[in-house]
Amino acid sequence: MAAIPYPKDFYGDEFILSPNDHYKEMRQLGRVLWLEAQNAYAVAHYDEVVTELRHPYLSTSGRGLSLNDRVDDMLVGSTLNSDEDQHRQQRSLPAMPIMPKSLKSLKSLKPL
């Protein structure tokens, strides 16, 4: 599948001030876009986003996602900027208290 060029700056003031208009435009253009200003691919359709998130072999997060080398260097190894086993392990720790099994014991408590 070929990526369709999207010439607008994803981090520019125009985009940041009116993101919904830009996301709508991105979705109308196609399923996979090439963000020229960021030198990166983007997907703006729900199905493609879900596919990317559920199939880690399609892309990598471990080297960073922010499109800014300095920020990526600081975040490598974090839950967001990690892949496969490392990501799964880090994600499981904060998720444990909010999983259905953990919340079962709270059903009988009354709200404050």
N, C-alpha and C. Protein backbone atom coordinates (compact mmCIF):
# COMPACT_ATOMS: atom_id res chain seq x y z
N MET A 1 0.84 -1.18 0.00
CA MET A 1 0.00 0.00 0.00
C MET A 1 0.88 1.24 0.00
N ALA A 2 0.66 2.13 -0.94
CA ALA A 2 1.44 3.36 -1.04
C ALA A 2 0.89 4.41 -0.09
N ALA A 3 1.80 5.16 0.50
CA ALA A 3 1.39 6.24 1.40
C ALA A 3 1.11 7.51 0.60
N ILE A 4 0.09 8.21 1.00
CA ILE A 4 -0.29 9.46 0.36
C ILE A 4 0.39 10.60 1.11
N PRO A 5 1.07 11.49 0.38
CA PRO A 5 1.76 12.60 1.06
C PRO A 5 0.78 13.55 1.75
N TYR A 6 1.13 13.93 2.97
CA TYR A 6 0.38 14.95 3.71
C TYR A 6 1.36 16.07 4.01
N PRO A 7 1.25 17.19 3.31
CA PRO A 7 2.29 18.23 3.38
C PRO A 7 2.23 19.12 4.62
N LYS A 8 1.14 19.12 5.36
CA LYS A 8 1.02 20.04 6.49
C LYS A 8 1.84 19.56 7.69
N ASP A 9 2.30 20.51 8.47
CA ASP A 9 3.16 20.21 9.62
C ASP A 9 2.29 19.74 10.80
N PHE A 10 2.44 18.49 11.15
CA PHE A 10 1.68 17.87 12.24
C PHE A 10 1.88 18.62 13.56
N TYR A 11 3.04 19.22 13.74
CA TYR A 11 3.35 19.95 14.97
C TYR A 11 3.25 21.47 14.80
N GLY A 12 2.76 21.92 13.65
CA GLY A 12 2.62 23.34 13.40
C GLY A 12 1.44 23.94 14.15
N ASP A 13 1.47 25.26 14.32
CA ASP A 13 0.40 25.97 15.05
C ASP A 13 -0.97 25.70 14.43
N GLU A 14 -1.06 25.74 13.11
CA GLU A 14 -2.34 25.54 12.44
C GLU A 14 -2.95 24.19 12.80
N PHE A 15 -2.11 23.16 12.80
CA PHE A 15 -2.60 21.82 13.13
C PHE A 15 -3.00 21.73 14.61
N ILE A 16 -2.16 22.24 15.47
CA ILE A 16 -2.39 22.15 16.91
C ILE A 16 -3.65 22.93 17.32
N LEU A 17 -3.90 24.06 16.68
CA LEU A 17 -5.07 24.87 17.02
C LEU A 17 -6.38 24.29 16.50
N SER A 18 -6.29 23.45 15.48
CA SER A 18 -7.52 22.88 14.91
C SER A 18 -7.28 21.43 14.48
N PRO A 19 -6.93 20.55 15.44
CA PRO A 19 -6.55 19.19 15.07
C PRO A 19 -7.67 18.38 14.42
N ASN A 20 -8.91 18.56 14.87
CA ASN A 20 -10.00 17.75 14.31
C ASN A 20 -10.18 17.98 12.82
N ASP A 21 -10.03 19.21 12.37
CA ASP A 21 -10.12 19.49 10.94
C ASP A 21 -9.03 18.75 10.17
N HIS A 22 -7.84 18.73 10.74
CA HIS A 22 -6.72 18.07 10.07
C HIS A 22 -6.89 16.54 10.08
N TYR A 23 -7.33 16.00 11.20
CA TYR A 23 -7.56 14.55 11.25
C TYR A 23 -8.63 14.14 10.24
N LYS A 24 -9.67 14.95 10.11
CA LYS A 24 -10.72 14.66 9.12
C LYS A 24 -10.13 14.67 7.71
N GLU A 25 -9.33 15.68 7.44
CA GLU A 25 -8.68 15.77 6.13
C GLU A 25 -7.76 14.57 5.89
N MET A 26 -7.03 14.17 6.91
CA MET A 26 -6.14 13.01 6.79
C MET A 26 -6.93 11.75 6.48
N ARG A 27 -8.04 11.56 7.19
CA ARG A 27 -8.87 10.36 6.94
C ARG A 27 -9.44 10.37 5.53
N GLN A 28 -9.80 11.54 5.03
CA GLN A 28 -10.34 11.64 3.68
C GLN A 28 -9.29 11.34 2.62
N LEU A 29 -8.05 11.66 2.91
CA LEU A 29 -6.98 11.43 1.94
C LEU A 29 -6.68 9.95 1.74
N GLY A 30 -6.70 9.18 2.80
CA GLY A 30 -6.38 7.76 2.63
C GLY A 30 -6.04 7.07 3.94
N ARG A 31 -5.66 5.83 3.82
CA ARG A 31 -5.43 4.98 4.99
C ARG A 31 -4.03 5.12 5.57
N VAL A 32 -3.03 5.30 4.73
CA VAL A 32 -1.65 5.47 5.19
C VAL A 32 -1.12 6.75 4.56
N LEU A 33 -0.64 7.64 5.42
CA LEU A 33 -0.15 8.94 4.95
C LEU A 33 1.34 9.08 5.24
N TRP A 34 1.99 9.89 4.43
CA TRP A 34 3.38 10.24 4.65
C TRP A 34 3.41 11.68 5.10
N LEU A 35 3.81 11.91 6.36
CA LEU A 35 3.92 13.27 6.89
C LEU A 35 5.25 13.84 6.42
N GLU A 36 5.18 14.65 5.39
CA GLU A 36 6.41 15.17 4.77
C GLU A 36 7.25 15.98 5.74
N ALA A 37 6.61 16.83 6.53
CA ALA A 37 7.34 17.70 7.45
C ALA A 37 8.05 16.91 8.55
N GLN A 38 7.50 15.74 8.91
CA GLN A 38 8.07 14.94 9.99
C GLN A 38 8.88 13.75 9.47
N ASN A 39 8.82 13.50 8.17
CA ASN A 39 9.54 12.36 7.59
C ASN A 39 9.10 11.05 8.26
N ALA A 40 7.76 10.89 8.36
CA ALA A 40 7.22 9.73 9.07
C ALA A 40 5.87 9.33 8.48
N TYR A 41 5.50 8.08 8.70
CA TYR A 41 4.19 7.59 8.28
C TYR A 41 3.16 7.86 9.38
N ALA A 42 1.89 7.94 8.96
CA ALA A 42 0.80 8.12 9.91
C ALA A 42 -0.42 7.35 9.41
N VAL A 43 -1.19 6.85 10.35
CA VAL A 43 -2.48 6.25 10.04
C VAL A 43 -3.52 7.00 10.85
N ALA A 44 -4.64 7.34 10.20
CA ALA A 44 -5.65 8.15 10.87
C ALA A 44 -7.00 7.46 10.92
N HIS A 45 -7.06 6.23 10.45
CA HIS A 45 -8.31 5.46 10.49
C HIS A 45 -8.25 4.47 11.64
N TYR A 46 -9.36 4.30 12.32
CA TYR A 46 -9.45 3.43 13.49
C TYR A 46 -8.90 2.03 13.21
N ASP A 47 -9.35 1.40 12.12
CA ASP A 47 -8.93 0.02 11.83
C ASP A 47 -7.42 -0.10 11.68
N GLU A 48 -6.79 0.87 11.03
CA GLU A 48 -5.34 0.82 10.85
C GLU A 48 -4.62 1.05 12.18
N VAL A 49 -5.14 1.95 12.99
CA VAL A 49 -4.53 2.20 14.30
C VAL A 49 -4.59 0.93 15.14
N VAL A 50 -5.74 0.28 15.19
CA VAL A 50 -5.90 -0.96 15.96
C VAL A 50 -4.96 -2.03 15.43
N THR A 51 -4.88 -2.16 14.12
CA THR A 51 -3.97 -3.15 13.53
C THR A 51 -2.53 -2.89 13.95
N GLU A 52 -2.10 -1.63 13.89
CA GLU A 52 -0.73 -1.28 14.30
C GLU A 52 -0.49 -1.62 15.77
N LEU A 53 -1.45 -1.31 16.62
CA LEU A 53 -1.27 -1.53 18.05
C LEU A 53 -1.30 -3.01 18.42
N ARG A 54 -2.05 -3.80 17.70
CA ARG A 54 -2.20 -5.23 18.04
C ARG A 54 -1.20 -6.14 17.33
N HIS A 55 -0.44 -5.61 16.40
CA HIS A 55 0.52 -6.42 15.65
C HIS A 55 1.90 -5.75 15.71
N PRO A 56 2.63 -5.99 16.77
CA PRO A 56 3.90 -5.29 16.98
C PRO A 56 4.96 -5.54 15.91
N TYR A 57 4.79 -6.57 15.10
CA TYR A 57 5.77 -6.83 14.05
C TYR A 57 5.64 -5.85 12.88
N LEU A 58 4.55 -5.08 12.83
CA LEU A 58 4.35 -4.12 11.74
C LEU A 58 5.18 -2.86 11.92
N SER A 59 5.45 -2.50 13.15
CA SER A 59 6.24 -1.30 13.43
C SER A 59 6.92 -1.47 14.78
N THR A 60 7.79 -0.55 15.08
CA THR A 60 8.52 -0.62 16.35
C THR A 60 8.33 0.67 17.13
N SER A 61 8.25 0.55 18.43
CA SER A 61 8.13 1.72 19.31
C SER A 61 9.38 1.89 20.16
N GLY A 62 10.18 0.85 20.24
CA GLY A 62 11.32 0.83 21.15
C GLY A 62 12.37 1.89 20.90
N ARG A 63 12.45 2.39 19.69
CA ARG A 63 13.44 3.43 19.40
C ARG A 63 12.84 4.82 19.50
N GLY A 64 11.56 4.89 19.86
CA GLY A 64 10.93 6.19 20.07
C GLY A 64 9.79 6.45 19.11
N LEU A 65 8.87 7.29 19.57
CA LEU A 65 7.67 7.63 18.80
C LEU A 65 7.46 9.12 18.64
N SER A 66 8.22 9.93 19.31
CA SER A 66 7.91 11.35 19.38
C SER A 66 8.37 12.16 18.16
N LEU A 67 9.14 11.58 17.28
CA LEU A 67 9.69 12.28 16.11
C LEU A 67 10.64 13.40 16.52
N ASN A 68 11.22 13.24 17.70
CA ASN A 68 12.18 14.19 18.23
C ASN A 68 13.26 13.35 18.91
N ASP A 69 14.45 13.34 18.33
CA ASP A 69 15.52 12.46 18.82
C ASP A 69 15.83 12.66 20.30
N ARG A 70 15.85 13.90 20.75
CA ARG A 70 16.19 14.18 22.15
C ARG A 70 15.14 13.60 23.10
N VAL A 71 13.86 13.80 22.76
CA VAL A 71 12.78 13.26 23.59
C VAL A 71 12.79 11.73 23.52
N ASP A 72 12.97 11.19 22.33
CA ASP A 72 13.02 9.73 22.19
C ASP A 72 14.13 9.13 23.04
N ASP A 73 15.30 9.76 23.04
CA ASP A 73 16.42 9.25 23.85
C ASP A 73 16.05 9.21 25.34
N MET A 74 15.29 10.20 25.79
CA MET A 74 14.90 10.24 27.21
C MET A 74 13.86 9.18 27.53
N LEU A 75 13.00 8.83 26.56
CA LEU A 75 11.88 7.93 26.83
C LEU A 75 12.12 6.47 26.44
N VAL A 76 13.22 6.17 25.78
CA VAL A 76 13.49 4.79 25.40
C VAL A 76 13.50 3.93 26.66
N GLY A 77 12.77 2.83 26.60
CA GLY A 77 12.66 1.93 27.75
C GLY A 77 11.42 2.19 28.58
N SER A 78 10.73 3.30 28.33
CA SER A 78 9.48 3.57 29.05
C SER A 78 8.39 2.67 28.47
N THR A 79 7.24 2.64 29.09
CA THR A 79 6.14 1.82 28.57
C THR A 79 5.79 2.22 27.14
N LEU A 80 5.73 3.51 26.87
CA LEU A 80 5.39 3.98 25.54
C LEU A 80 6.46 3.62 24.51
N ASN A 81 7.71 3.79 24.87
CA ASN A 81 8.82 3.54 23.95
C ASN A 81 9.52 2.23 24.27
N SER A 82 8.76 1.15 24.16
CA SER A 82 9.31 -0.19 24.35
C SER A 82 8.53 -1.16 23.48
N ASP A 83 9.12 -2.30 23.23
CA ASP A 83 8.50 -3.30 22.36
C ASP A 83 8.36 -4.64 23.08
N GLU A 84 7.44 -5.41 22.61
CA GLU A 84 7.17 -6.79 22.96
C GLU A 84 7.30 -7.11 24.45
N ASP A 85 8.25 -7.98 24.84
CA ASP A 85 8.32 -8.46 26.22
C ASP A 85 8.51 -7.31 27.23
N GLN A 86 9.39 -6.39 26.90
CA GLN A 86 9.62 -5.26 27.81
C GLN A 86 8.33 -4.44 27.96
N HIS A 87 7.65 -4.18 26.86
CA HIS A 87 6.41 -3.42 26.90
C HIS A 87 5.34 -4.16 27.71
N ARG A 88 5.19 -5.43 27.45
CA ARG A 88 4.18 -6.25 28.13
C ARG A 88 4.42 -6.24 29.65
N GLN A 89 5.68 -6.40 30.04
CA GLN A 89 6.01 -6.42 31.47
C GLN A 89 5.72 -5.07 32.12
N GLN A 90 6.15 -4.00 31.49
CA GLN A 90 5.94 -2.67 32.07
C GLN A 90 4.46 -2.30 32.10
N ARG A 91 3.71 -2.68 31.09
CA ARG A 91 2.29 -2.37 31.04
C ARG A 91 1.51 -3.14 32.10
N SER A 92 1.94 -4.35 32.39
CA SER A 92 1.19 -5.18 33.33
C SER A 92 1.24 -4.65 34.76
N LEU A 93 2.30 -3.98 35.14
CA LEU A 93 2.42 -3.49 36.53
C LEU A 93 1.37 -2.45 36.89
N PRO A 94 1.23 -1.36 36.13
CA PRO A 94 0.18 -0.39 36.50
C PRO A 94 -1.22 -0.88 36.17
N ALA A 95 -1.35 -1.86 35.30
CA ALA A 95 -2.69 -2.35 34.91
C ALA A 95 -3.30 -3.28 35.96
N MET A 96 -2.47 -3.95 36.74
CA MET A 96 -2.99 -4.94 37.71
C MET A 96 -4.10 -4.40 38.60
N PRO A 97 -3.94 -3.25 39.22
CA PRO A 97 -4.99 -2.78 40.14
C PRO A 97 -6.32 -2.44 39.45
N ILE A 98 -6.33 -2.23 38.16
CA ILE A 98 -7.58 -1.85 37.48
C ILE A 98 -8.17 -2.97 36.63
N MET A 99 -7.61 -4.15 36.71
CA MET A 99 -8.15 -5.29 35.98
C MET A 99 -9.42 -5.78 36.69
N PRO A 100 -10.38 -6.34 35.94
CA PRO A 100 -11.65 -6.79 36.54
C PRO A 100 -11.47 -7.67 37.77
N LYS A 101 -10.52 -8.58 37.74
CA LYS A 101 -10.29 -9.47 38.88
C LYS A 101 -9.94 -8.66 40.14
N SER A 102 -9.12 -7.64 39.98
CA SER A 102 -8.72 -6.81 41.13
C SER A 102 -9.85 -5.92 41.62
N LEU A 103 -10.72 -5.50 40.73
CA LEU A 103 -11.81 -4.60 41.09
C LEU A 103 -13.00 -5.30 41.74
N LYS A 104 -13.05 -6.63 41.61
CA LYS A 104 -14.18 -7.40 42.15
C LYS A 104 -14.40 -7.13 43.64
N SER A 105 -13.32 -7.06 44.40
CA SER A 105 -13.44 -6.86 45.85
C SER A 105 -13.99 -5.47 46.19
N LEU A 106 -13.98 -4.54 45.27
CA LEU A 106 -14.46 -3.19 45.55
C LEU A 106 -15.96 -3.03 45.32
N LYS A 107 -16.59 -4.03 44.74
CA LYS A 107 -18.02 -3.92 44.42
C LYS A 107 -18.87 -3.61 45.64
N SER A 108 -18.54 -4.18 46.77
CA SER A 108 -19.37 -4.00 47.97
C SER A 108 -19.12 -2.67 48.68
N LEU A 109 -18.08 -1.93 48.30
CA LEU A 109 -17.78 -0.66 48.94
C LEU A 109 -18.75 0.42 48.48
N LYS A 110 -19.09 1.30 49.38
CA LYS A 110 -19.95 2.42 49.04
C LYS A 110 -19.08 3.60 48.64
N PRO A 111 -19.54 4.41 47.70
CA PRO A 111 -18.77 5.60 47.31
C PRO A 111 -18.64 6.58 48.45
N LEU A 112 -17.57 7.33 48.45
CA LEU A 112 -17.34 8.36 49.50
C LEU A 112 -18.27 9.51 49.35
